[in-house]
């Protein structure tokens, strides 16, 4: 069993930055692809970004490309989401997820096996 704990959410003004962290338990974190998803009130669950087990491949939703950066530190069992130039439409609960099967990373929520509890990001205009 893998446990994921997100942190780093909060309230920020439009144009500001936040860095989310997701810490994972377990010794085989380095073999998992990781992803970030989000859900805003009244909106669908949405893929944000993913990273392969090695960190060599990254993927982004078009809505965040050029503003968000995903990275990981396998020595710390942690994946990060650096969010710059935040917009009010980025307001959502952000979830990290781990995929134990496909190490390449995917935008499909159904491929992920473990989920964190979520962290709220609120961007004011």
Protein backbone atom coordinates (compact mmCIF):
# COMPACT_ATOMS: atom_id res chain seq x y z
CA UNK A 1 0.00 0.00 0.00
CA UNK A 2 1.22 3.47 -0.88
CA UNK A 3 0.10 6.55 0.97
CA UNK A 4 0.26 9.96 -0.69
CA UNK A 5 0.12 13.23 1.18
CA UNK A 6 -0.18 16.55 -0.65
CA UNK A 7 0.86 19.88 0.77
CA UNK A 8 1.55 23.41 -0.39
CA UNK A 9 -1.91 24.55 -1.34
CA UNK A 10 -3.31 27.88 -0.25
CA UNK A 11 -4.67 31.23 -1.30
CA UNK A 12 -2.76 33.31 -3.83
CA UNK A 13 -3.49 36.27 -6.04
CA UNK A 14 -3.71 35.92 -9.78
CA UNK A 15 -0.25 35.96 -11.29
CA UNK A 16 1.27 34.44 -8.20
CA UNK A 17 2.95 31.09 -7.66
CA UNK A 18 2.59 28.02 -5.50
CA UNK A 19 4.50 24.78 -5.26
CA UNK A 20 2.61 21.65 -4.40
CA UNK A 21 4.37 18.66 -2.94
CA UNK A 22 3.25 15.07 -2.75
CA UNK A 23 5.12 12.79 -0.39
CA UNK A 24 4.80 9.05 -0.80
CA UNK A 25 5.39 6.20 1.58
CA UNK A 26 6.95 3.00 0.38
CA UNK A 27 10.31 2.00 -0.98
CA UNK A 28 9.27 1.53 -4.59
CA UNK A 29 8.11 5.08 -5.25
CA UNK A 30 10.86 5.40 -7.83
CA UNK A 31 9.16 2.80 -10.03
CA UNK A 32 5.81 4.62 -10.15
CA UNK A 33 4.67 7.19 -12.62
CA UNK A 34 3.02 10.10 -10.84
CA UNK A 35 0.28 12.46 -11.82
CA UNK A 36 -1.55 15.57 -10.69
CA UNK A 37 -5.26 16.07 -11.20
CA UNK A 38 -7.68 18.71 -10.04
CA UNK A 39 -11.36 19.29 -9.52
CA UNK A 40 -13.10 22.61 -9.22
CA UNK A 41 -16.62 22.94 -7.79
CA UNK A 42 -19.17 21.96 -10.37
CA UNK A 43 -16.54 20.92 -12.88
CA UNK A 44 -15.19 17.61 -14.07
CA UNK A 45 -12.16 15.91 -12.68
CA UNK A 46 -9.26 17.13 -14.80
CA UNK A 47 -5.78 15.91 -15.65
CA UNK A 48 -3.08 18.47 -14.93
CA UNK A 49 0.31 16.84 -15.35
CA UNK A 50 2.19 13.55 -15.18
CA UNK A 51 5.76 12.39 -14.92
CA UNK A 52 7.41 9.08 -15.69
CA UNK A 53 9.16 7.00 -13.05
CA UNK A 54 12.55 8.39 -14.00
CA UNK A 55 11.41 11.96 -14.50
CA UNK A 56 12.55 11.78 -18.09
CA UNK A 57 9.08 12.28 -19.55
CA UNK A 58 6.53 14.85 -18.54
CA UNK A 59 3.03 15.65 -19.74
CA UNK A 60 0.78 18.65 -19.30
CA UNK A 61 -2.76 19.64 -19.97
CA UNK A 62 -2.97 22.41 -22.54
CA UNK A 63 -4.52 24.69 -19.94
CA UNK A 64 -1.36 24.65 -17.78
CA UNK A 65 1.39 24.15 -20.35
CA UNK A 66 4.06 26.79 -20.01
CA UNK A 67 2.89 27.77 -16.52
CA UNK A 68 3.18 24.55 -14.48
CA UNK A 69 6.20 22.31 -14.07
CA UNK A 70 6.15 18.80 -12.66
CA UNK A 71 9.27 17.24 -11.16
CA UNK A 72 10.23 14.50 -8.78
CA UNK A 73 12.95 13.61 -6.34
CA UNK A 74 13.08 9.86 -5.95
CA UNK A 75 15.55 10.15 -3.09
CA UNK A 76 12.87 11.99 -1.12
CA UNK A 77 9.85 10.03 -2.43
CA UNK A 78 8.32 13.32 -3.46
CA UNK A 79 6.76 14.77 -6.58
CA UNK A 80 6.28 18.50 -7.06
CA UNK A 81 4.05 20.75 -9.08
CA UNK A 82 5.42 24.26 -9.50
CA UNK A 83 2.57 26.54 -10.52
CA UNK A 84 3.40 29.97 -11.89
CA UNK A 85 1.25 32.75 -13.30
CA UNK A 86 -1.78 31.31 -11.57
CA UNK A 87 -5.23 32.23 -12.83
CA UNK A 88 -8.59 32.21 -11.07
CA UNK A 89 -9.59 29.25 -13.23
CA UNK A 90 -6.80 27.23 -11.60
CA UNK A 91 -8.80 27.25 -8.39
CA UNK A 92 -9.50 23.64 -7.46
CA UNK A 93 -8.62 20.81 -5.15
CA UNK A 94 -5.41 19.26 -6.44
CA UNK A 95 -4.75 15.57 -6.08
CA UNK A 96 -1.61 13.58 -6.67
CA UNK A 97 -1.75 10.00 -7.83
CA UNK A 98 0.60 7.07 -8.31
CA UNK A 99 0.52 4.55 -11.14
CA UNK A 100 2.20 1.29 -10.20
CA UNK A 101 1.68 -0.41 -13.55
CA UNK A 102 2.76 1.92 -16.32
CA UNK A 103 5.91 3.80 -15.53
CA UNK A 104 5.65 6.22 -18.41
CA UNK A 105 2.93 8.51 -17.08
CA UNK A 106 -0.60 8.96 -18.36
CA UNK A 107 -3.42 11.48 -18.40
CA UNK A 108 -6.04 8.83 -17.70
CA UNK A 109 -7.24 8.89 -14.11
CA UNK A 110 -8.22 5.23 -14.39
CA UNK A 111 -4.61 4.12 -14.71
CA UNK A 112 -3.68 5.41 -11.26
CA UNK A 113 -3.81 3.13 -8.27
CA UNK A 114 -3.21 5.40 -5.31
CA UNK A 115 -4.51 8.88 -4.52
CA UNK A 116 -3.81 11.57 -2.01
CA UNK A 117 -6.47 13.38 -0.03
CA UNK A 118 -6.13 16.59 -2.01
CA UNK A 119 -4.99 20.13 -1.27
CA UNK A 120 -6.99 23.27 -1.95
CA UNK A 121 -5.62 25.93 -4.28
CA UNK A 122 -7.53 29.18 -4.45
CA UNK A 123 -6.53 31.95 -6.85
CA UNK A 124 -8.15 35.32 -6.31
CA UNK A 125 -8.63 37.83 -9.09
